[in-house]
Amino acid sequence: MLRLTAPNPGLMTGPGTNSYLVGEATSGFIVIDPGPPDAGHVQRLWEACADAQGRGGHIALIACTHSHADHAPAAPMLQALCAQRPPIVGLPSAPTARSGSHFVPDRALASGEQLLLTGTEPHTLRAVFTPGHAANHVCFVLEEDGLLFSGDHILNGSTTVIDPPDGHMGDYLDSLDRLHQSCEALGVQHILPAHGGVMDAPLQAIAHLKAHRLKREAKVAAVMQAQPDGDLDSWLPLAYDDVAPQIWPVARRSLRAHVERLQELAAHKRP
């Protein structure tokens, strides 16, 4: 497994988008999240996927965790460099996706589908559907090595943004539970996020992340109860008073997701 980080550092991308190469020269490679449309990064990916004779572009599949602009746009660029034009797989973007996140794979994955590479050693990637950050988000587990490629669902050093309507907090929390179950069942030992370094102790990391989200949601609920006539802009500095103000425009998106989930839960409780 090899990681190449795209040169797109920033507030939303951290040190940049991690592209992962699974496989070997004898089997070919699966490229996970080829990243933004950066020609230099695409060329490096192509060169790194070399066959036994050192020729680049030995790619069996290109897999995208979701359709955001720092993950999927390089997929057709990389595909076009390859003589065999490997299929692009993932889930198509939902109608709720922003215009810059339109994505249609060559083939849509099935939940639990296994992507197989056979060479000197087998490599099996299992698709785990994880809507929440995006409606079409998918994580992948490399079964032989106990690795979870978490895309943007789990990040190292920060919590991912849930941006309605394509993002949904209830789906996100449910997907965390699904990932916890998958990691336990498949013996996952490490999380490889799309932004940041490798994370150990995956079950503890997932449990901590869910607890953080629910703690934030409880704070949002308390603020809403104290100011029932307020709105997102008035609730934001109170619910996120522990976050630097320059982050508030981004935090406002997740605040909206928490508010919508609280309203959904309240609606379900009504007789």
Protein backbone atom coordinates (compact mmCIF):
# COMPACT_ATOMS: atom_id res chain seq x y z
CA MET A 1 0.00 0.00 0.00
CA LEU A 2 1.34 3.42 -0.96
CA ARG A 3 0.07 6.91 -0.09
CA LEU A 4 0.59 9.96 -2.29
CA THR A 5 -0.72 13.31 -1.04
CA ALA A 6 -2.04 15.84 -3.53
CA PRO A 7 -0.60 19.38 -3.37
CA ASN A 8 -3.88 20.95 -2.22
CA PRO A 9 -3.37 21.90 1.45
CA GLY A 10 -5.92 24.19 3.04
CA LEU A 11 -8.51 24.74 5.74
CA MET A 12 -10.80 22.01 4.39
CA THR A 13 -8.09 19.62 3.19
CA GLY A 14 -5.43 19.81 5.91
CA PRO A 15 -2.06 18.78 4.43
CA GLY A 16 -3.81 17.70 1.21
CA THR A 17 -5.89 14.83 -0.16
CA ASN A 18 -4.39 11.39 0.35
CA SER A 19 -4.55 9.05 -2.63
CA TYR A 20 -3.93 5.40 -1.77
CA LEU A 21 -2.56 2.67 -4.04
CA VAL A 22 -3.51 -0.89 -3.14
CA GLY A 23 -1.92 -3.83 -4.96
CA GLU A 24 1.41 -4.77 -6.48
CA ALA A 25 3.15 -5.01 -9.84
CA THR A 26 1.89 -8.54 -10.55
CA SER A 27 -1.78 -7.79 -9.84
CA GLY A 28 -2.12 -4.17 -10.84
CA PHE A 29 -3.40 -1.48 -8.50
CA ILE A 30 -6.61 -0.01 -7.18
CA VAL A 31 -6.27 3.77 -6.77
CA ILE A 32 -8.47 5.14 -3.98
CA ASP A 33 -9.38 8.85 -4.27
CA PRO A 34 -7.17 10.13 -7.11
CA GLY A 35 -7.92 13.63 -5.85
CA PRO A 36 -8.30 17.09 -7.39
CA PRO A 37 -7.64 17.79 -11.10
CA ASP A 38 -3.91 18.37 -10.63
CA ALA A 39 -1.93 17.11 -13.62
CA GLY A 40 1.28 16.65 -11.65
CA HIS A 41 -0.41 14.55 -8.97
CA VAL A 42 -2.15 12.44 -11.62
CA GLN A 43 1.16 11.83 -13.36
CA ARG A 44 2.77 10.72 -10.09
CA LEU A 45 -0.09 8.29 -9.47
CA TRP A 46 0.31 6.86 -12.98
CA GLU A 47 4.05 6.42 -12.54
CA ALA A 48 3.68 4.81 -9.10
CA CYS A 49 1.31 2.15 -10.48
CA ALA A 50 4.08 0.35 -12.37
CA ASP A 51 4.05 -3.20 -13.70
CA ALA A 52 6.93 -5.69 -13.37
CA GLN A 53 8.75 -3.98 -16.27
CA GLY A 54 8.44 -0.57 -14.63
CA ARG A 55 5.77 0.72 -16.99
CA GLY A 56 3.25 3.04 -15.34
CA GLY A 57 -0.52 2.93 -15.47
CA HIS A 58 -0.91 -0.68 -14.34
CA ILE A 59 -4.28 0.15 -12.76
CA ALA A 60 -7.17 -2.28 -12.40
CA LEU A 61 -9.70 0.08 -10.80
CA ILE A 62 -10.07 3.68 -9.70
CA ALA A 63 -12.28 3.93 -6.60
CA CYS A 64 -13.72 7.20 -5.26
CA THR A 65 -15.00 7.47 -1.69
CA HIS A 66 -17.31 10.33 -2.70
CA SER A 67 -17.85 13.05 -5.24
CA HIS A 68 -16.33 16.15 -3.61
CA ALA A 69 -13.98 18.28 -5.68
CA ASP A 70 -10.83 17.25 -3.81
CA HIS A 71 -11.46 13.52 -4.27
CA ALA A 72 -13.02 12.53 -7.59
CA PRO A 73 -12.18 14.98 -10.43
CA ALA A 74 -8.77 13.42 -11.12
CA ALA A 75 -10.37 10.02 -11.81
CA PRO A 76 -11.10 10.56 -15.54
CA MET A 77 -7.71 12.24 -15.98
CA LEU A 78 -5.93 9.19 -14.56
CA GLN A 79 -8.15 6.82 -16.52
CA ALA A 80 -7.28 8.61 -19.76
CA LEU A 81 -3.54 8.06 -19.19
CA CYS A 82 -3.97 4.28 -18.92
CA ALA A 83 -3.88 2.11 -22.04
CA GLN A 84 -6.52 -0.26 -20.63
CA ARG A 85 -8.79 2.54 -19.29
CA PRO A 86 -9.59 1.03 -15.85
CA PRO A 87 -13.20 1.51 -14.73
CA ILE A 88 -14.03 4.21 -12.21
CA VAL A 89 -16.17 2.83 -9.36
CA GLY A 90 -18.04 4.44 -6.48
CA LEU A 91 -21.55 5.77 -6.00
CA PRO A 92 -23.10 8.46 -8.22
CA SER A 93 -23.67 11.83 -6.61
CA ALA A 94 -27.18 12.38 -5.29
CA PRO A 95 -29.48 15.14 -6.57
CA THR A 96 -28.66 17.01 -3.35
CA ALA A 97 -24.97 17.35 -4.28
CA ARG A 98 -23.59 20.78 -5.13
CA SER A 99 -22.88 21.49 -8.78
CA GLY A 100 -19.12 21.14 -8.26
CA SER A 101 -19.58 17.64 -6.85
CA HIS A 102 -21.34 15.99 -9.79
CA PHE A 103 -19.98 12.45 -10.22
CA VAL A 104 -21.10 9.45 -12.23
CA PRO A 105 -18.88 6.35 -11.96
CA ASP A 106 -18.50 3.83 -14.75
CA ARG A 107 -19.98 1.31 -12.34
CA ALA A 108 -21.86 1.79 -9.09
CA LEU A 109 -20.70 -0.31 -6.16
CA ALA A 110 -22.95 -2.59 -4.14
CA SER A 111 -22.99 -2.45 -0.35
CA GLY A 112 -20.49 -4.96 0.99
CA GLU A 113 -19.03 -5.60 -2.46
CA GLN A 114 -15.50 -7.01 -2.55
CA LEU A 115 -12.99 -5.65 -5.06
CA LEU A 116 -10.38 -8.35 -5.68
CA LEU A 117 -6.81 -8.24 -6.94
CA THR A 118 -4.94 -11.50 -7.46
CA GLY A 119 -1.16 -11.48 -7.74
CA THR A 120 1.67 -12.74 -5.58
CA GLU A 121 -0.63 -11.95 -2.66
CA PRO A 122 -4.40 -11.35 -2.78
CA HIS A 123 -5.84 -7.92 -1.99
CA THR A 124 -9.53 -7.62 -1.10
CA LEU A 125 -11.21 -4.24 -0.69
CA ARG A 126 -14.68 -4.35 0.85
CA ALA A 127 -17.03 -1.42 0.22
CA VAL A 128 -18.87 -0.09 3.28
CA PHE A 129 -21.57 2.46 2.49
CA THR A 130 -21.24 5.46 4.82
CA PRO A 131 -23.58 8.33 3.87
CA GLY A 132 -23.43 11.40 6.07
CA HIS A 133 -20.56 13.65 5.00
CA ALA A 134 -21.90 13.14 1.48
CA ALA A 135 -24.91 11.13 0.38
CA ASN A 136 -22.70 8.94 -1.82
CA HIS A 137 -19.83 8.36 0.63
CA VAL A 138 -18.18 4.92 0.70
CA CYS A 139 -15.35 3.62 2.89
CA PHE A 140 -13.14 0.66 2.01
CA VAL A 141 -11.59 -2.06 4.17
CA LEU A 142 -8.46 -3.87 2.97
CA GLU A 143 -9.31 -7.18 4.56
CA GLU A 144 -5.90 -8.88 4.42
CA ASP A 145 -4.13 -6.01 6.17
CA GLY A 146 -6.86 -4.74 8.51
CA LEU A 147 -6.88 -1.22 7.07
CA LEU A 148 -9.87 1.13 6.83
CA PHE A 149 -9.72 3.78 4.10
CA SER A 150 -12.14 6.25 5.67
CA GLY A 151 -12.32 9.00 3.04
CA ASP A 152 -13.74 12.10 4.73
CA HIS A 153 -15.96 10.18 7.15
CA ILE A 154 -13.14 10.03 9.70
CA LEU A 155 -10.29 12.56 9.61
CA ASN A 156 -7.10 12.82 11.63
CA GLY A 157 -6.98 15.96 13.75
CA SER A 158 -10.43 17.36 13.02
CA THR A 159 -14.08 16.42 12.62
CA THR A 160 -15.56 16.31 9.15
CA VAL A 161 -18.09 18.89 8.01
CA ILE A 162 -21.69 17.74 7.58
CA ASP A 163 -23.19 20.12 5.02
CA PRO A 164 -26.94 19.72 4.31
CA PRO A 165 -28.73 18.87 2.18
CA ASP A 166 -26.19 16.40 0.75
CA GLY A 167 -24.76 15.90 4.22
CA HIS A 168 -27.01 14.48 6.93
CA MET A 169 -26.12 14.19 10.61
CA GLY A 170 -28.41 11.25 11.34
CA ASP A 171 -26.93 9.29 8.45
CA TYR A 172 -23.44 10.24 9.58
CA LEU A 173 -23.97 8.89 13.10
CA ASP A 174 -25.58 5.71 11.76
CA SER A 175 -22.60 5.25 9.43
CA LEU A 176 -20.21 5.58 12.38
CA ASP A 177 -22.05 2.67 14.01
CA ARG A 178 -21.79 0.71 10.76
CA LEU A 179 -18.06 1.37 10.57
CA HIS A 180 -17.59 0.32 14.19
CA GLN A 181 -19.33 -2.98 13.44
CA SER A 182 -17.30 -3.51 10.26
CA CYS A 183 -14.00 -2.74 11.97
CA GLU A 184 -14.83 -5.18 14.75
CA ALA A 185 -15.96 -7.92 12.36
CA LEU A 186 -13.07 -7.52 9.91
CA GLY A 187 -10.30 -7.00 12.44
CA VAL A 188 -9.36 -3.48 11.35
CA GLN A 189 -6.19 -2.25 13.06
CA HIS A 190 -5.60 1.17 11.48
CA ILE A 191 -7.60 3.99 9.86
CA LEU A 192 -6.18 5.70 6.77
CA PRO A 193 -8.10 8.98 6.29
CA ALA A 194 -8.25 11.12 3.18
CA HIS A 195 -6.64 13.98 5.11
CA GLY A 196 -3.94 13.56 7.73
CA GLY A 197 -1.88 10.63 8.95
CA VAL A 198 -2.64 7.06 9.95
CA MET A 199 -4.84 6.56 13.03
CA ASP A 200 -4.49 3.64 15.43
CA ALA A 201 -7.08 2.03 17.74
CA PRO A 202 -9.99 2.36 15.28
CA LEU A 203 -12.77 1.24 17.64
CA GLN A 204 -11.74 3.81 20.23
CA ALA A 205 -11.34 6.49 17.55
CA ILE A 206 -14.84 5.87 16.20
CA ALA A 207 -16.38 5.79 19.68
CA HIS A 208 -14.61 9.06 20.58
CA LEU A 209 -15.82 10.71 17.39
CA LYS A 210 -19.43 9.70 18.00
CA ALA A 211 -19.25 10.89 21.62
CA HIS A 212 -17.87 14.23 20.44
CA ARG A 213 -20.73 14.64 17.95
CA LEU A 214 -23.38 13.81 20.54
CA LYS A 215 -21.77 16.17 23.06
CA ARG A 216 -21.87 18.96 20.48
CA GLU A 217 -25.48 18.12 19.69
CA ALA A 218 -26.42 18.33 23.37
CA LYS A 219 -24.80 21.78 23.48
CA VAL A 220 -26.75 22.84 20.38
CA ALA A 221 -29.99 21.56 21.95
CA ALA A 222 -29.32 23.56 25.12
CA VAL A 223 -28.66 26.73 23.13
CA MET A 224 -31.84 26.24 21.11
CA GLN A 225 -33.86 25.71 24.28
CA ALA A 226 -32.40 28.85 25.86
CA GLN A 227 -33.10 30.89 22.71
CA PRO A 228 -36.19 29.32 21.09
CA ASP A 229 -36.68 32.34 18.83
CA GLY A 230 -33.08 32.33 17.63
CA ASP A 231 -31.64 31.19 14.34
CA LEU A 232 -28.41 29.65 13.07
CA ASP A 233 -26.53 32.94 13.21
CA SER A 234 -27.48 33.67 16.81
CA TRP A 235 -26.95 30.09 17.99
CA LEU A 236 -23.57 29.67 16.26
CA PRO A 237 -21.31 31.68 18.62
CA LEU A 238 -22.89 29.99 21.64
CA ALA A 239 -22.86 26.42 20.37
CA TYR A 240 -19.32 26.78 19.00
CA ASP A 241 -17.80 29.12 21.58
CA ASP A 242 -14.88 26.69 21.92
CA VAL A 243 -14.01 27.08 18.22
CA ALA A 244 -12.03 29.97 16.72
CA PRO A 245 -14.35 32.53 15.07
CA GLN A 246 -12.59 32.17 11.73
CA ILE A 247 -13.90 28.58 11.66
CA TRP A 248 -17.51 29.60 12.33
CA PRO A 249 -18.55 29.86 8.64
CA VAL A 250 -17.60 26.20 8.22
CA ALA A 251 -19.02 25.19 11.62
CA ARG A 252 -22.33 26.80 10.64
CA ARG A 253 -22.87 24.00 8.11
CA SER A 254 -22.55 21.29 10.77
CA LEU A 255 -24.68 23.39 13.13
CA ARG A 256 -27.44 23.31 10.54
CA ALA A 257 -27.06 19.53 10.31
CA HIS A 258 -27.36 19.19 14.10
CA VAL A 259 -30.41 21.47 14.18
CA GLU A 260 -32.12 19.50 11.43
CA ARG A 261 -31.45 16.21 13.24
CA LEU A 262 -32.83 17.60 16.50
CA GLN A 263 -35.94 18.79 14.67
CA GLU A 264 -36.34 15.36 13.04
CA LEU A 265 -36.04 13.63 16.42
CA ALA A 266 -38.58 16.00 17.96
CA ALA A 267 -41.00 15.38 15.10
CA HIS A 268 -40.78 11.63 15.63
CA LYS A 269 -41.65 12.02 19.31
CA ARG A 270 -44.84 13.95 18.62
CA PRO A 271 -48.05 11.89 18.92
